[in-house]
Structures are given as structure tokens and as C-alpha cells.
Amino acid sequence: MVEEKICPLFRRPEGLDMGKGIGYCDIDSGSTTCERDVLFCERPEAIKKYLHTKLEVLEKEEK
């Protein structure tokens, strides 16, 4: 069984009950539906770019 990997960009909708694990992607202000598992992402390139940018920021802070 493959382990679920929770996306750091997953956001639960406030005030809406869309079902267990259904929400939206924080990258595009909620235009993309998200199931929170990175293996089923509609925009994997966006996740890579986001995580790469975060890593660069962390590396700069360490210096």
C-alpha cells in the first residue's frame, strides 16, 4: 500500500463540507480542487516550484 503524502499547499474550505480530504490548492487562490495527496495532484509542477522556492529561502536563512 502506498503511503499518502499530504501536500503543504492543501487548504480546507471554510464553511463548506466538500467531503473528507477535499479542499483546494493554495497556489492559485482556490481555483484548483485538491484531494490533499501529492500523488494525485493536478499541478505537480507547481508543487515542485513552490518547494524549490521554500528550500532556497531556508538555505539563505541558514547562511
C-alpha atoms as a PDB file:
ATOM      1  CA  MET A   1       0.000   0.000   0.000  1.00  0.00           C
ATOM      2  CA  VAL A   2       1.319   3.451  -0.945  1.00  0.00           C
ATOM      3  CA  GLU A   3       1.587   5.964   1.857  1.00  0.00           C
ATOM      4  CA  GLU A   4      -0.383   9.201   1.492  1.00  0.00           C
ATOM      5  CA  LYS A   5       1.838  12.277   1.281  1.00  0.00           C
ATOM      6  CA  ILE A   6      -0.026  15.367   2.426  1.00  0.00           C
ATOM      7  CA  CYS A   7       0.567  18.409   0.255  1.00  0.00           C
ATOM      8  CA  PRO A   8       1.754  21.566   2.048  1.00  0.00           C
ATOM      9  CA  LEU A   9      -0.479  23.640  -0.239  1.00  0.00           C
ATOM     10  CA  PHE A  10      -3.723  21.858   0.676  1.00  0.00           C
ATOM     11  CA  ARG A  11      -6.362  24.056   2.288  1.00  0.00           C
ATOM     12  CA  ARG A  12      -9.720  23.017   3.668  1.00  0.00           C
ATOM     13  CA  PRO A  13     -12.626  25.184   2.549  1.00  0.00           C
ATOM     14  CA  GLU A  14     -14.117  27.211   5.381  1.00  0.00           C
ATOM     15  CA  GLY A  15     -17.856  26.907   5.753  1.00  0.00           C
ATOM     16  CA  LEU A  16     -18.190  24.210   3.094  1.00  0.00           C
ATOM     17  CA  ASP A  17     -18.315  20.477   3.651  1.00  0.00           C
ATOM     18  CA  MET A  18     -16.901  19.040   0.438  1.00  0.00           C
ATOM     19  CA  GLY A  19     -16.223  15.609   1.895  1.00  0.00           C
ATOM     20  CA  LYS A  20     -13.275  14.011   3.611  1.00  0.00           C
ATOM     21  CA  GLY A  21      -9.959  15.186   2.208  1.00  0.00           C
ATOM     22  CA  ILE A  22     -11.402  17.503  -0.416  1.00  0.00           C
ATOM     23  CA  GLY A  23     -10.279  21.109  -0.442  1.00  0.00           C
ATOM     24  CA  TYR A  24      -8.408  23.494  -2.677  1.00  0.00           C
ATOM     25  CA  CYS A  25      -4.870  24.337  -3.718  1.00  0.00           C
ATOM     26  CA  ASP A  26      -3.325  27.423  -2.147  1.00  0.00           C
ATOM     27  CA  ILE A  27      -1.209  28.149  -5.259  1.00  0.00           C
ATOM     28  CA  ASP A  28      -3.966  29.639  -7.363  1.00  0.00           C
ATOM     29  CA  SER A  29      -6.246  31.033  -4.649  1.00  0.00           C
ATOM     30  CA  GLY A  30      -8.601  28.084  -4.672  1.00  0.00           C
ATOM     31  CA  SER A  31      -9.228  27.568  -8.385  1.00  0.00           C
ATOM     32  CA  THR A  32      -7.863  24.020  -8.331  1.00  0.00           C
ATOM     33  CA  THR A  33      -9.630  21.254  -6.405  1.00  0.00           C
ATOM     34  CA  CYS A  34      -7.280  19.303  -4.191  1.00  0.00           C
ATOM     35  CA  GLU A  35      -7.546  15.884  -2.570  1.00  0.00           C
ATOM     36  CA  ARG A  36      -4.501  16.674  -0.346  1.00  0.00           C
ATOM     37  CA  ASP A  37      -2.376  13.738  -1.566  1.00  0.00           C
ATOM     38  CA  VAL A  38       0.586  14.843  -3.707  1.00  0.00           C
ATOM     39  CA  LEU A  39       0.348  11.653  -5.774  1.00  0.00           C
ATOM     40  CA  PHE A  40      -2.998  12.828  -7.164  1.00  0.00           C
ATOM     41  CA  CYS A  41      -2.111  16.476  -7.765  1.00  0.00           C
ATOM     42  CA  GLU A  42      -3.484  18.260 -10.824  1.00  0.00           C
ATOM     43  CA  ARG A  43      -0.469  20.613 -10.835  1.00  0.00           C
ATOM     44  CA  PRO A  44       2.691  18.703  -9.814  1.00  0.00           C
ATOM     45  CA  GLU A  45       4.982  21.283 -11.470  1.00  0.00           C
ATOM     46  CA  ALA A  46       3.555  23.983  -9.209  1.00  0.00           C
ATOM     47  CA  ILE A  47       4.325  21.910  -6.098  1.00  0.00           C
ATOM     48  CA  LYS A  48       7.915  21.379  -7.266  1.00  0.00           C
ATOM     49  CA  LYS A  49       8.360  25.097  -7.894  1.00  0.00           C
ATOM     50  CA  TYR A  50       6.843  26.005  -4.512  1.00  0.00           C
ATOM     51  CA  LEU A  51       9.045  23.540  -2.600  1.00  0.00           C
ATOM     52  CA  HIS A  52      12.159  24.632  -4.515  1.00  0.00           C
ATOM     53  CA  THR A  53      11.476  28.272  -3.598  1.00  0.00           C
ATOM     54  CA  LYS A  54      10.926  27.332   0.057  1.00  0.00           C
ATOM     55  CA  LEU A  55      14.223  25.403   0.069  1.00  0.00           C
ATOM     56  CA  GLU A  56      16.084  28.414  -1.359  1.00  0.00           C
ATOM     57  CA  VAL A  57      14.641  30.641   1.359  1.00  0.00           C
ATOM     58  CA  LEU A  58      15.667  28.185   4.090  1.00  0.00           C
ATOM     59  CA  GLU A  59      19.185  27.896   2.666  1.00  0.00           C
ATOM     60  CA  LYS A  60      19.547  31.701   2.651  1.00  0.00           C
ATOM     61  CA  GLU A  61      18.359  31.895   6.270  1.00  0.00           C
ATOM     62  CA  GLU A  62      20.985  29.356   7.347  1.00  0.00           C
ATOM     63  CA  LYS A  63      23.863  31.464   5.968  1.00  0.00           C
END
